[in-house]
Amino acid sequence: MVTVEDKTAQPSTTHEKSFALSSNEEALGHELAVNVSGHRQELQRNFGLLSLCSLGITSGNVWIALGGAINVAIYNGGPPGIIYEFIAASVFYCIIAASIAELASAIPSAGGVYHWATITGGRYGRACGWFAGWWNALAWLLGFTSIVQIVAAQTVSMYAVMHDGFETKQWHVFVTYIIITWISVFIVLYLNRALPSIEMIGGFTVVAGVFLSILVCAIMPHVNNQPYASNFSVWGNWQNQTGYSSSEFAFLAGMLNGAYAVGSVDLVTHLAEEVPHRNIPKAILFQYVFGCLSGFFYIIAILYGISSFDEVLASPYLFHLAEIYRQAAGSKAGSVGLLFLAFVPTFISGIGCCVTASRVFWTLARDGATPFSHFFSNVNQSTHNPFRAIVFSGVFVTVLGCIYVGSKTAFQAFVGCFIILSTLSYVTAILPHVVSGRQHVRPGWFWMKGMAGMVVHGISCAYIIVFVVIFCFPFALPTDAANMNYASLITGGLSLFVLLFWFVRQSRYVGPRDVVLDRHVLSKDAL
């Protein structure tokens, strides 16, 4: 008899509880294809290591996110602040990535932190998993929203650069936003088997785009006889323009900009049921090595290529890289060309974020953790994907886009919660892992041995706990309704919804399981 251990039913390290597959199920062998969550394997394993790495660097989108936020990051220390805050954020997020990779290797489930928190939480696993899952799902829905808005801003800005006198209106961005949202959704819905190829195209454009952008920003000012920024202005001219008297606190608060660029740690883990499991930690490693290095060299190149920060900050273009590229390339045509190099991977990034957001929501639904769970947990047998969860993601993003038309400030308040919600979901899985001495998790092939693992996980938790608080402070002083940081309000409101729904659903909610599967049951392409 082939057995499958049920770890959630009896959260202990002895794993004495187990349930057996029926003789009919045992006879099915590979056709049953149960995965490590205890659910029947329903998704096709279309992704390989190369396509998964491409998804990581494309949807991670570090250099574009970093450059696109330069108009905000500049106030926390000027150009040196942008560089050093990015380096600091990258170091801490690499440590968090190691923690995530260990859990992903041990429990390779599409639920990601939702599943891990359920296991590491031991006797409190159901509650830990519930909150981690919902925080993570909301974070990725907001992440999808943010990427679509960036693509819409890029599109409108490219048009504005080539049309003098064009005045950008919020409805221009909204219409573009809706079109991009549903193009992305329809690609994810109906081109499921083509997604790995699309992501590999995205990976190529990310690599080529950052390489060409660095070359242009480094070479063209010299060709056009334009001056470069001085070494002192790039590396040493610290300028605290936040209104905070403490430059140290301004530095810590400014790390939010770097965190937003590198903060998608669990991105590839949600495709664990669509890829051989050993590839997940490898893809995380590649995502962070490439993302951090490319972001570092890219931000240096564009900072040297900027001749006037005042013109960048006063730019009429919604996407401020348009003005930066105009200065560096010396022409509007050059600016549009460089913007297009950023547009293609960012658009494909939106497709990847749609995939991730829908997978997270679907895993919650299949465990009964969402409204209308039976409806949203369905996997379409024609398209071989969670069709209804994907459509829900599109509807969610569309509704938030309507907020953008009414109030840009309110819209930014929602999408600005991505980092806080995602890191809260991480710490809900990692902290119990540390407190329990990592006893609730069977080691995967990537496992940090001894004290090294405990130190890495401890630093991850400490960083998240401290910086979740810091990232809720106002961006600048004095504050008003327009520049206030509403992250704590939005995060608190969403968390209150999650808590209330917990009381409604807890009596029927079980949560995911961690199972040990006989190789006769676990399909060999999952190894």
Protein backbone atom coordinates (compact mmCIF):
# COMPACT_ATOMS: atom_id res chain seq x y z
CA MET A 1 0.00 0.00 0.00
CA VAL A 2 1.31 3.45 -0.91
CA THR A 3 0.97 5.89 1.97
CA VAL A 4 0.84 9.65 2.17
CA GLU A 5 1.72 11.30 5.48
CA ASP A 6 -0.66 14.00 6.66
CA LYS A 7 1.27 16.60 8.59
CA THR A 8 -1.47 19.14 9.16
CA ALA A 9 -3.85 16.67 10.76
CA GLN A 10 -1.26 16.04 13.51
CA PRO A 11 1.36 18.78 13.66
CA SER A 12 4.25 16.96 15.27
CA THR A 13 7.72 16.00 14.24
CA THR A 14 7.07 12.28 14.50
CA HIS A 15 4.56 12.21 11.63
CA GLU A 16 2.71 9.19 13.02
CA LYS A 17 -0.58 10.04 11.33
CA SER A 18 -1.02 8.86 7.76
CA PHE A 19 -3.70 7.98 5.33
CA ALA A 20 -3.65 5.38 2.61
CA LEU A 21 -4.62 5.59 -1.00
CA SER A 22 -7.30 3.20 -2.13
CA SER A 23 -6.34 0.20 -4.21
CA ASN A 24 -7.88 1.84 -7.27
CA GLU A 25 -5.83 5.00 -6.69
CA GLU A 26 -2.69 2.96 -6.12
CA ALA A 27 -3.26 1.16 -9.38
CA LEU A 28 -3.43 4.46 -11.23
CA GLY A 29 0.21 5.15 -10.38
CA HIS A 30 1.43 8.13 -12.33
CA GLU A 31 -2.03 9.00 -13.60
CA LEU A 32 -3.06 9.97 -10.05
CA ALA A 33 -0.09 12.35 -9.79
CA VAL A 34 -0.75 13.69 -6.31
CA ASN A 35 1.43 16.70 -5.46
CA VAL A 36 3.02 17.69 -2.15
CA SER A 37 -0.03 19.70 -1.08
CA GLY A 38 -2.06 16.48 -1.04
CA HIS A 39 -4.16 17.64 -3.99
CA ARG A 40 -4.45 15.88 -7.31
CA GLN A 41 -1.94 17.31 -9.81
CA GLU A 42 -4.15 19.37 -12.14
CA LEU A 43 -1.76 21.85 -13.76
CA GLN A 44 0.59 20.91 -16.57
CA ARG A 45 4.32 21.16 -15.96
CA ASN A 46 5.05 23.42 -18.93
CA PHE A 47 7.91 25.39 -17.37
CA GLY A 48 11.56 24.39 -17.29
CA LEU A 49 14.54 26.00 -15.58
CA LEU A 50 15.24 28.51 -18.38
CA SER A 51 11.65 29.68 -18.69
CA LEU A 52 11.30 29.86 -14.89
CA CYS A 53 14.46 31.98 -14.60
CA SER A 54 13.13 34.18 -17.39
CA LEU A 55 9.88 34.63 -15.47
CA GLY A 56 11.86 35.59 -12.37
CA ILE A 57 13.99 38.29 -14.01
CA THR A 58 11.16 39.59 -16.20
CA SER A 59 8.45 39.88 -13.57
CA GLY A 60 11.06 40.82 -10.97
CA ASN A 61 11.86 43.70 -13.33
CA VAL A 62 14.48 45.25 -11.02
CA TRP A 63 16.21 47.79 -13.24
CA ILE A 64 12.98 49.17 -14.71
CA ALA A 65 11.29 49.47 -11.31
CA LEU A 66 14.36 51.16 -9.91
CA GLY A 67 14.65 53.66 -12.74
CA GLY A 68 10.93 54.36 -12.84
CA ALA A 69 10.88 55.40 -9.17
CA ILE A 70 13.90 57.71 -9.33
CA ASN A 71 11.74 60.82 -9.04
CA VAL A 72 10.59 59.56 -5.61
CA ALA A 73 13.86 58.02 -4.43
CA ILE A 74 15.87 61.19 -5.13
CA TYR A 75 14.52 62.92 -2.01
CA ASN A 76 16.03 60.33 0.35
CA GLY A 77 19.64 61.37 -0.03
CA GLY A 78 19.96 62.38 -3.68
CA PRO A 79 21.90 60.13 -6.14
CA PRO A 80 24.11 58.61 -3.38
CA GLY A 81 20.96 57.74 -1.42
CA ILE A 82 19.48 55.92 -4.41
CA ILE A 83 22.62 53.79 -4.83
CA TYR A 84 23.38 52.99 -1.21
CA GLU A 85 19.75 52.39 -0.23
CA PHE A 86 19.39 50.00 -3.16
CA ILE A 87 22.53 48.12 -2.09
CA ALA A 88 21.28 47.83 1.50
CA ALA A 89 17.82 46.66 0.44
CA SER A 90 19.35 44.14 -1.97
CA VAL A 91 21.53 42.60 0.76
CA PHE A 92 18.57 42.08 3.08
CA TYR A 93 16.32 40.75 0.34
CA CYS A 94 18.99 38.28 -0.74
CA ILE A 95 18.92 36.98 2.83
CA ILE A 96 15.11 36.74 2.73
CA ALA A 97 15.41 34.98 -0.64
CA ALA A 98 17.61 32.32 0.98
CA SER A 99 14.92 31.74 3.63
CA ILE A 100 12.23 31.48 0.96
CA ALA A 101 14.36 29.14 -1.16
CA GLU A 102 14.81 26.75 1.78
CA LEU A 103 11.06 26.53 2.39
CA ALA A 104 10.30 26.26 -1.33
CA SER A 105 12.73 23.38 -1.62
CA ALA A 106 11.20 21.56 1.34
CA ILE A 107 7.54 22.24 0.47
CA PRO A 108 7.25 22.88 -3.29
CA SER A 109 3.62 24.00 -3.50
CA ALA A 110 1.86 26.61 -5.62
CA GLY A 111 0.54 28.03 -2.35
CA GLY A 112 4.03 29.21 -1.42
CA VAL A 113 4.10 31.10 1.89
CA TYR A 114 0.47 30.14 2.50
CA HIS A 115 1.38 26.46 2.55
CA TRP A 116 4.68 26.95 4.40
CA ALA A 117 3.12 29.02 7.20
CA THR A 118 0.50 26.30 7.71
CA ILE A 119 3.26 23.75 8.29
CA THR A 120 5.80 25.86 10.20
CA GLY A 121 3.05 27.23 12.46
CA GLY A 122 2.55 23.83 14.08
CA ARG A 123 -0.58 23.85 16.26
CA TYR A 124 -1.30 27.42 15.11
CA GLY A 125 -0.68 26.52 11.48
CA ARG A 126 -4.25 27.01 10.26
CA ALA A 127 -4.35 30.62 11.46
CA CYS A 128 -0.78 31.37 10.32
CA GLY A 129 -1.46 29.92 6.90
CA TRP A 130 -4.75 31.79 6.58
CA PHE A 131 -3.19 35.20 7.20
CA ALA A 132 -0.02 34.46 5.22
CA GLY A 133 -2.10 33.25 2.28
CA TRP A 134 -4.44 36.22 2.21
CA TRP A 135 -1.67 38.79 2.71
CA ASN A 136 0.29 37.16 -0.09
CA ALA A 137 -2.70 36.95 -2.43
CA LEU A 138 -3.60 40.59 -1.84
CA ALA A 139 0.04 41.60 -2.33
CA TRP A 140 0.25 39.89 -5.72
CA LEU A 141 -3.08 41.28 -6.88
CA LEU A 142 -1.77 44.74 -5.99
CA GLY A 143 1.57 43.89 -7.63
CA PHE A 144 -0.24 42.98 -10.85
CA THR A 145 -2.13 46.27 -10.57
CA SER A 146 1.09 48.24 -10.10
CA ILE A 147 2.83 46.69 -13.11
CA VAL A 148 -0.15 47.38 -15.38
CA GLN A 149 -0.18 51.01 -14.26
CA ILE A 150 3.55 51.30 -15.03
CA VAL A 151 3.04 49.86 -18.53
CA ALA A 152 0.16 52.28 -19.10
CA ALA A 153 2.34 55.19 -17.93
CA GLN A 154 5.16 54.07 -20.24
CA THR A 155 2.78 53.89 -23.20
CA VAL A 156 1.27 57.33 -22.64
CA SER A 157 4.72 58.82 -21.99
CA MET A 158 6.12 57.44 -25.27
CA TYR A 159 3.25 59.12 -27.10
CA ALA A 160 3.74 62.38 -25.17
CA VAL A 161 7.47 62.50 -25.95
CA MET A 162 6.78 62.50 -29.68
CA HIS A 163 3.84 64.91 -29.54
CA ASP A 164 4.78 68.36 -28.26
CA GLY A 165 2.03 70.05 -26.30
CA PHE A 166 0.24 66.80 -25.47
CA GLU A 167 -1.23 67.07 -22.00
CA THR A 168 -1.56 63.75 -20.20
CA LYS A 169 -4.90 63.17 -18.51
CA GLN A 170 -5.73 60.45 -16.00
CA TRP A 171 -8.33 59.01 -18.33
CA HIS A 172 -5.62 58.48 -20.99
CA VAL A 173 -3.77 56.28 -18.54
CA PHE A 174 -6.97 54.55 -17.43
CA VAL A 175 -8.03 53.54 -20.94
CA THR A 176 -4.53 52.24 -21.67
CA TYR A 177 -4.52 50.49 -18.29
CA ILE A 178 -7.76 48.61 -19.06
CA ILE A 179 -6.54 47.53 -22.50
CA ILE A 180 -3.23 46.24 -21.12
CA THR A 181 -4.95 44.46 -18.21
CA TRP A 182 -7.24 42.43 -20.41
CA ILE A 183 -4.64 41.71 -23.08
CA SER A 184 -2.51 40.22 -20.29
CA VAL A 185 -5.45 38.28 -18.87
CA PHE A 186 -6.44 36.84 -22.24
CA ILE A 187 -2.86 35.77 -22.95
CA VAL A 188 -2.73 33.93 -19.60
CA LEU A 189 -6.18 32.42 -20.20
CA TYR A 190 -5.75 31.11 -23.72
CA LEU A 191 -1.99 30.77 -24.32
CA ASN A 192 -1.15 28.61 -21.32
CA ARG A 193 1.21 26.30 -23.23
CA ALA A 194 2.94 29.29 -24.83
CA LEU A 195 3.63 31.05 -21.51
CA PRO A 196 7.13 29.54 -21.06
CA SER A 197 8.12 30.77 -24.54
CA ILE A 198 6.64 34.20 -23.84
CA GLU A 199 8.59 34.43 -20.60
CA MET A 200 11.82 33.42 -22.37
CA ILE A 201 11.22 36.24 -24.84
CA GLY A 202 10.73 38.50 -21.83
CA GLY A 203 13.96 37.25 -20.28
CA PHE A 204 15.87 38.03 -23.47
CA THR A 205 14.40 41.54 -23.66
CA VAL A 206 15.26 42.20 -20.00
CA VAL A 207 18.90 41.20 -20.55
CA ALA A 208 19.21 42.98 -23.91
CA GLY A 209 17.27 46.00 -22.65
CA VAL A 210 19.44 46.67 -19.61
CA PHE A 211 22.64 46.08 -21.61
CA LEU A 212 21.65 48.50 -24.37
CA SER A 213 20.28 51.07 -21.92
CA ILE A 214 23.54 51.09 -19.96
CA LEU A 215 25.56 51.48 -23.17
CA VAL A 216 23.44 54.36 -24.47
CA CYS A 217 23.45 56.22 -21.15
CA ALA A 218 27.20 55.73 -20.83
CA ILE A 219 28.19 56.61 -24.41
CA MET A 220 25.70 59.07 -25.88
CA PRO A 221 26.40 62.07 -23.60
CA HIS A 222 30.02 61.93 -24.82
CA VAL A 223 28.89 61.62 -28.45
CA ASN A 224 26.58 64.64 -28.05
CA ASN A 225 29.19 66.66 -26.15
CA GLN A 226 26.96 66.73 -23.08
CA PRO A 227 28.56 66.80 -19.63
CA TYR A 228 28.34 63.79 -17.33
CA ALA A 229 27.36 64.15 -13.70
CA SER A 230 30.38 64.51 -11.43
CA ASN A 231 31.66 61.65 -9.28
CA PHE A 232 30.85 63.68 -6.20
CA SER A 233 27.22 64.28 -7.20
CA VAL A 234 26.69 60.57 -7.90
CA TRP A 235 28.57 59.06 -4.98
CA GLY A 236 29.04 61.69 -2.29
CA ASN A 237 26.56 64.59 -2.46
CA TRP A 238 24.08 63.36 0.16
CA GLN A 239 20.93 65.52 0.24
CA ASN A 240 18.18 64.78 2.74
CA GLN A 241 15.09 66.46 1.28
CA THR A 242 12.48 64.48 3.21
CA GLY A 243 11.92 66.96 6.00
CA TYR A 244 13.14 64.47 8.61
CA SER A 245 15.92 65.90 10.79
CA SER A 246 17.68 62.54 10.95
CA SER A 247 19.55 61.60 7.78
CA GLU A 248 19.90 58.08 9.16
CA PHE A 249 16.12 57.68 9.32
CA ALA A 250 15.77 59.20 5.84
CA PHE A 251 18.19 56.52 4.62
CA LEU A 252 16.19 53.71 6.26
CA ALA A 253 12.90 55.05 4.92
CA GLY A 254 14.47 55.40 1.47
CA MET A 255 15.22 51.68 1.40
CA LEU A 256 11.53 51.26 0.49
CA ASN A 257 12.42 52.26 -3.08
CA GLY A 258 15.03 49.53 -3.31
CA ALA A 259 12.68 47.06 -1.61
CA TYR A 260 10.01 47.76 -4.21
CA ALA A 261 12.52 46.96 -6.96
CA VAL A 262 13.80 43.67 -5.50
CA GLY A 263 10.92 42.64 -3.23
CA SER A 264 9.22 39.93 -5.32
CA VAL A 265 11.01 37.11 -3.49
CA ASP A 266 8.33 34.42 -3.78
CA LEU A 267 7.49 35.13 -7.42
CA VAL A 268 8.63 31.85 -8.97
CA THR A 269 7.60 29.67 -6.01
CA HIS A 270 3.95 29.81 -7.05
CA LEU A 271 4.74 27.83 -10.19
CA ALA A 272 6.03 24.90 -8.11
CA GLU A 273 3.27 22.67 -9.49
CA GLU A 274 4.13 23.63 -13.07
CA VAL A 275 7.87 22.96 -12.99
CA PRO A 276 10.25 20.26 -11.68
CA HIS A 277 10.69 21.13 -8.00
CA ARG A 278 14.48 21.36 -7.87
CA ASN A 279 14.33 24.32 -10.24
CA ILE A 280 12.64 26.67 -7.75
CA PRO A 281 15.70 27.54 -5.55
CA LYS A 282 17.87 27.75 -8.68
CA ALA A 283 15.48 30.24 -10.27
CA ILE A 284 15.38 32.34 -7.08
CA LEU A 285 19.18 32.45 -7.06
CA PHE A 286 19.33 33.52 -10.71
CA GLN A 287 16.58 36.11 -10.22
CA TYR A 288 18.48 37.80 -7.40
CA VAL A 289 21.98 37.60 -8.82
CA PHE A 290 20.88 39.08 -12.13
CA GLY A 291 18.35 41.51 -10.65
CA CYS A 292 20.68 43.05 -8.08
CA LEU A 293 23.70 43.31 -10.38
CA SER A 294 21.75 44.68 -13.36
CA GLY A 295 19.95 47.18 -11.12
CA PHE A 296 23.23 48.37 -9.62
CA PHE A 297 25.02 48.99 -12.93
CA TYR A 298 21.90 50.44 -14.55
CA ILE A 299 21.26 53.03 -11.83
CA ILE A 300 24.91 54.15 -11.97
CA ALA A 301 24.70 54.59 -15.75
CA ILE A 302 21.55 56.70 -15.70
CA LEU A 303 22.72 58.82 -12.75
CA TYR A 304 25.87 59.76 -14.66
CA GLY A 305 23.76 60.43 -17.77
CA ILE A 306 21.42 62.94 -16.09
CA SER A 307 22.46 66.52 -16.80
CA SER A 308 19.65 68.23 -14.87
CA PHE A 309 17.69 66.68 -12.02
CA ASP A 310 15.50 69.78 -11.88
CA GLU A 311 14.24 69.05 -15.39
CA VAL A 312 13.62 65.41 -14.46
CA LEU A 313 11.54 66.38 -11.43
CA ALA A 314 9.66 69.05 -13.42
CA SER A 315 9.08 66.70 -16.35
CA PRO A 316 5.55 66.69 -17.79
CA TYR A 317 5.89 62.99 -18.60
CA LEU A 318 4.11 60.56 -16.31
CA PHE A 319 6.99 58.08 -16.52
CA HIS A 320 10.06 60.08 -15.51
CA LEU A 321 12.51 57.82 -17.31
CA ALA A 322 11.27 59.54 -20.48
CA GLU A 323 13.04 62.76 -19.49
CA ILE A 324 16.11 60.93 -18.16
CA TYR A 325 16.47 59.07 -21.44
CA ARG A 326 15.95 62.28 -23.43
CA GLN A 327 18.84 63.87 -21.59
CA ALA A 328 21.10 60.82 -21.85
CA ALA A 329 20.34 59.99 -25.50
CA GLY A 330 20.17 63.64 -26.59
CA SER A 331 16.97 63.28 -28.61
CA LYS A 332 13.30 62.46 -28.29
CA ALA A 333 13.66 59.56 -30.74
CA GLY A 334 16.41 58.11 -28.57
CA SER A 335 14.20 58.49 -25.51
CA VAL A 336 11.34 56.62 -27.17
CA GLY A 337 13.72 53.87 -28.30
CA LEU A 338 15.00 53.35 -24.77
CA LEU A 339 11.48 53.49 -23.37
CA PHE A 340 10.47 50.76 -25.79
CA LEU A 341 13.33 48.61 -24.49
CA ALA A 342 11.73 48.98 -21.06
CA PHE A 343 8.15 48.65 -22.32
CA VAL A 344 8.43 45.14 -23.80
CA PRO A 345 9.78 43.36 -20.69
CA THR A 346 7.46 45.37 -18.43
CA PHE A 347 4.47 44.30 -20.49
CA ILE A 348 5.58 40.66 -20.26
CA SER A 349 6.17 41.24 -16.56
CA GLY A 350 2.47 42.04 -16.25
CA ILE A 351 1.68 38.66 -17.80
CA GLY A 352 3.92 36.95 -15.23
CA CYS A 353 2.31 38.86 -12.36
CA CYS A 354 -1.12 37.84 -13.63
CA VAL A 355 0.02 34.20 -13.59
CA THR A 356 1.38 34.53 -10.04
CA ALA A 357 -1.62 36.44 -8.63
CA SER A 358 -4.11 33.98 -10.09
CA ARG A 359 -2.14 30.94 -8.85
CA VAL A 360 -2.03 32.29 -5.29
CA PHE A 361 -5.75 33.04 -5.25
CA TRP A 362 -6.52 29.64 -6.78
CA THR A 363 -4.55 27.77 -4.11
CA LEU A 364 -6.55 29.58 -1.42
CA ALA A 365 -9.79 28.69 -3.17
CA ARG A 366 -8.98 24.98 -3.50
CA ASP A 367 -8.57 24.83 0.30
CA GLY A 368 -11.84 26.66 0.92
CA ALA A 369 -10.23 29.92 2.06
CA THR A 370 -12.01 32.30 -0.33
CA PRO A 371 -15.61 33.29 -0.97
CA PHE A 372 -17.19 30.99 -3.57
CA SER A 373 -14.27 28.59 -3.14
CA HIS A 374 -15.81 25.78 -5.17
CA PHE A 375 -16.29 28.14 -8.09
CA PHE A 376 -12.80 29.68 -8.05
CA SER A 377 -10.94 26.41 -7.35
CA ASN A 378 -11.96 24.97 -10.71
CA VAL A 379 -9.24 24.12 -13.23
CA ASN A 380 -10.52 24.40 -16.78
CA GLN A 381 -9.98 21.10 -18.59
CA SER A 382 -9.73 22.80 -21.97
CA THR A 383 -7.20 25.53 -21.15
CA HIS A 384 -5.54 23.54 -18.30
CA ASN A 385 -5.38 26.54 -15.97
CA PRO A 386 -7.39 28.07 -13.12
CA PHE A 387 -9.54 30.00 -15.60
CA ARG A 388 -11.93 31.59 -13.11
CA ALA A 389 -9.17 32.70 -10.74
CA ILE A 390 -7.40 34.36 -13.67
CA VAL A 391 -10.57 36.23 -14.65
CA PHE A 392 -11.02 37.28 -11.02
CA SER A 393 -7.50 38.76 -11.05
CA GLY A 394 -8.41 40.80 -14.12
CA VAL A 395 -11.63 42.04 -12.55
CA PHE A 396 -9.81 43.00 -9.34
CA VAL A 397 -7.23 45.03 -11.26
CA THR A 398 -9.96 46.68 -13.32
CA VAL A 399 -11.86 47.78 -10.21
CA LEU A 400 -8.71 49.30 -8.71
CA GLY A 401 -8.12 51.09 -12.01
CA CYS A 402 -11.44 52.86 -11.55
CA ILE A 403 -10.05 54.27 -8.30
CA TYR A 404 -7.18 55.77 -10.32
CA VAL A 405 -9.63 57.87 -12.34
CA GLY A 406 -11.17 59.32 -9.19
CA SER A 407 -8.03 59.74 -7.08
CA LYS A 408 -4.46 59.01 -8.05
CA THR A 409 -3.47 59.35 -4.39
CA ALA A 410 -5.96 56.64 -3.30
CA PHE A 411 -4.76 54.35 -6.09
CA GLN A 412 -1.11 54.77 -5.09
CA ALA A 413 -2.07 54.10 -1.47
CA PHE A 414 -3.36 50.66 -2.47
CA VAL A 415 -0.51 49.59 -4.76
CA GLY A 416 2.01 50.95 -2.27
CA CYS A 417 0.99 48.20 0.15
CA PHE A 418 2.62 45.48 -2.00
CA ILE A 419 5.89 45.43 -0.05
CA ILE A 420 4.26 45.52 3.39
CA LEU A 421 1.69 42.81 2.63
CA SER A 422 4.20 40.53 0.91
CA THR A 423 6.81 40.81 3.68
CA LEU A 424 4.15 40.23 6.33
CA SER A 425 3.27 36.99 4.54
CA TYR A 426 6.96 36.00 4.49
CA VAL A 427 7.51 36.57 8.20
CA THR A 428 4.34 34.61 9.02
CA ALA A 429 6.04 31.57 7.49
CA ILE A 430 9.66 32.23 8.50
CA LEU A 431 9.22 33.31 12.14
CA PRO A 432 7.45 30.08 13.29
CA HIS A 433 10.13 28.19 11.34
CA VAL A 434 12.75 29.83 13.58
CA VAL A 435 10.80 29.57 16.84
CA SER A 436 10.20 25.85 16.32
CA GLY A 437 13.86 25.24 15.58
CA ARG A 438 12.88 24.22 12.03
CA GLN A 439 11.42 20.99 13.42
CA HIS A 440 8.14 21.07 11.50
CA VAL A 441 9.73 20.98 8.05
CA ARG A 442 11.52 18.05 6.44
CA PRO A 443 14.66 19.38 4.69
CA GLY A 444 14.55 19.70 0.92
CA TRP A 445 17.58 19.46 -1.34
CA PHE A 446 18.45 23.09 -0.50
CA TRP A 447 18.78 23.34 3.26
CA MET A 448 21.01 25.70 5.28
CA LYS A 449 22.60 23.50 7.91
CA GLY A 450 23.12 24.24 11.58
CA MET A 451 23.39 27.77 12.92
CA ALA A 452 23.84 29.24 9.44
CA GLY A 453 20.19 28.59 8.68
CA MET A 454 18.99 29.98 12.00
CA VAL A 455 21.06 33.16 11.55
CA VAL A 456 19.75 33.74 8.02
CA HIS A 457 16.14 33.20 9.10
CA GLY A 458 16.65 35.37 12.19
CA ILE A 459 18.01 38.28 10.12
CA SER A 460 15.11 37.90 7.68
CA CYS A 461 12.55 38.15 10.48
CA ALA A 462 14.31 41.05 12.21
CA TYR A 463 14.52 43.05 8.97
CA ILE A 464 10.86 42.49 8.12
CA ILE A 465 9.55 43.34 11.59
CA VAL A 466 11.58 46.57 11.81
CA PHE A 467 11.03 47.78 8.27
CA VAL A 468 7.31 47.06 8.10
CA VAL A 469 7.04 49.74 10.79
CA ILE A 470 9.47 52.14 9.10
CA PHE A 471 7.76 51.79 5.73
CA CYS A 472 4.50 53.01 7.31
CA PHE A 473 5.99 56.40 8.22
CA PRO A 474 5.14 59.44 6.05
CA PHE A 475 7.37 59.80 3.00
CA ALA A 476 8.18 63.42 3.87
CA LEU A 477 7.45 66.12 6.41
CA PRO A 478 5.26 68.07 6.80
CA THR A 479 2.43 65.82 5.66
CA ASP A 480 -0.86 66.60 4.00
CA ALA A 481 -3.65 64.58 2.39
CA ALA A 482 -1.72 64.26 -0.87
CA ASN A 483 1.66 63.04 0.44
CA MET A 484 0.55 61.06 3.49
CA ASN A 485 1.58 57.40 3.65
CA TYR A 486 -1.67 55.46 3.86
CA ALA A 487 0.01 52.03 3.86
CA SER A 488 -0.77 51.32 7.52
CA LEU A 489 -4.42 52.29 7.02
CA ILE A 490 -4.89 50.17 3.89
CA THR A 491 -2.95 47.22 5.31
CA GLY A 492 -4.93 47.41 8.54
CA GLY A 493 -8.23 47.58 6.69
CA LEU A 494 -7.39 44.61 4.47
CA SER A 495 -6.14 42.65 7.49
CA LEU A 496 -9.41 43.38 9.31
CA PHE A 497 -11.30 41.90 6.37
CA VAL A 498 -9.07 38.79 6.51
CA LEU A 499 -9.68 38.48 10.28
CA LEU A 500 -13.46 38.82 9.98
CA PHE A 501 -13.57 36.27 7.17
CA TRP A 502 -11.49 33.93 9.35
CA PHE A 503 -14.23 33.95 11.99
CA VAL A 504 -16.81 33.23 9.31
CA ARG A 505 -14.93 30.37 7.65
CA GLN A 506 -12.66 28.85 10.34
CA SER A 507 -15.04 26.03 11.30
CA ARG A 508 -14.93 24.67 7.73
CA TYR A 509 -11.36 25.59 6.82
CA VAL A 510 -8.69 22.88 7.08
CA GLY A 511 -5.79 24.25 5.07
CA PRO A 512 -3.15 22.57 2.91
CA ARG A 513 -1.27 19.43 3.95
CA ASP A 514 2.36 18.53 3.77
CA VAL A 515 2.64 15.00 2.51
CA VAL A 516 5.37 12.48 1.84
CA LEU A 517 4.63 10.81 -1.43
CA ASP A 518 5.79 7.48 -2.73
CA ARG A 519 7.54 7.90 -6.07
CA HIS A 520 4.91 5.63 -7.63
CA VAL A 521 2.34 8.32 -6.85
CA LEU A 522 4.43 11.46 -7.37
CA SER A 523 4.88 11.95 -11.10
CA LYS A 524 8.55 11.69 -12.07
CA ASP A 525 8.54 15.08 -13.85
CA ALA A 526 7.99 16.69 -10.45
CA LEU A 527 11.40 15.63 -9.14
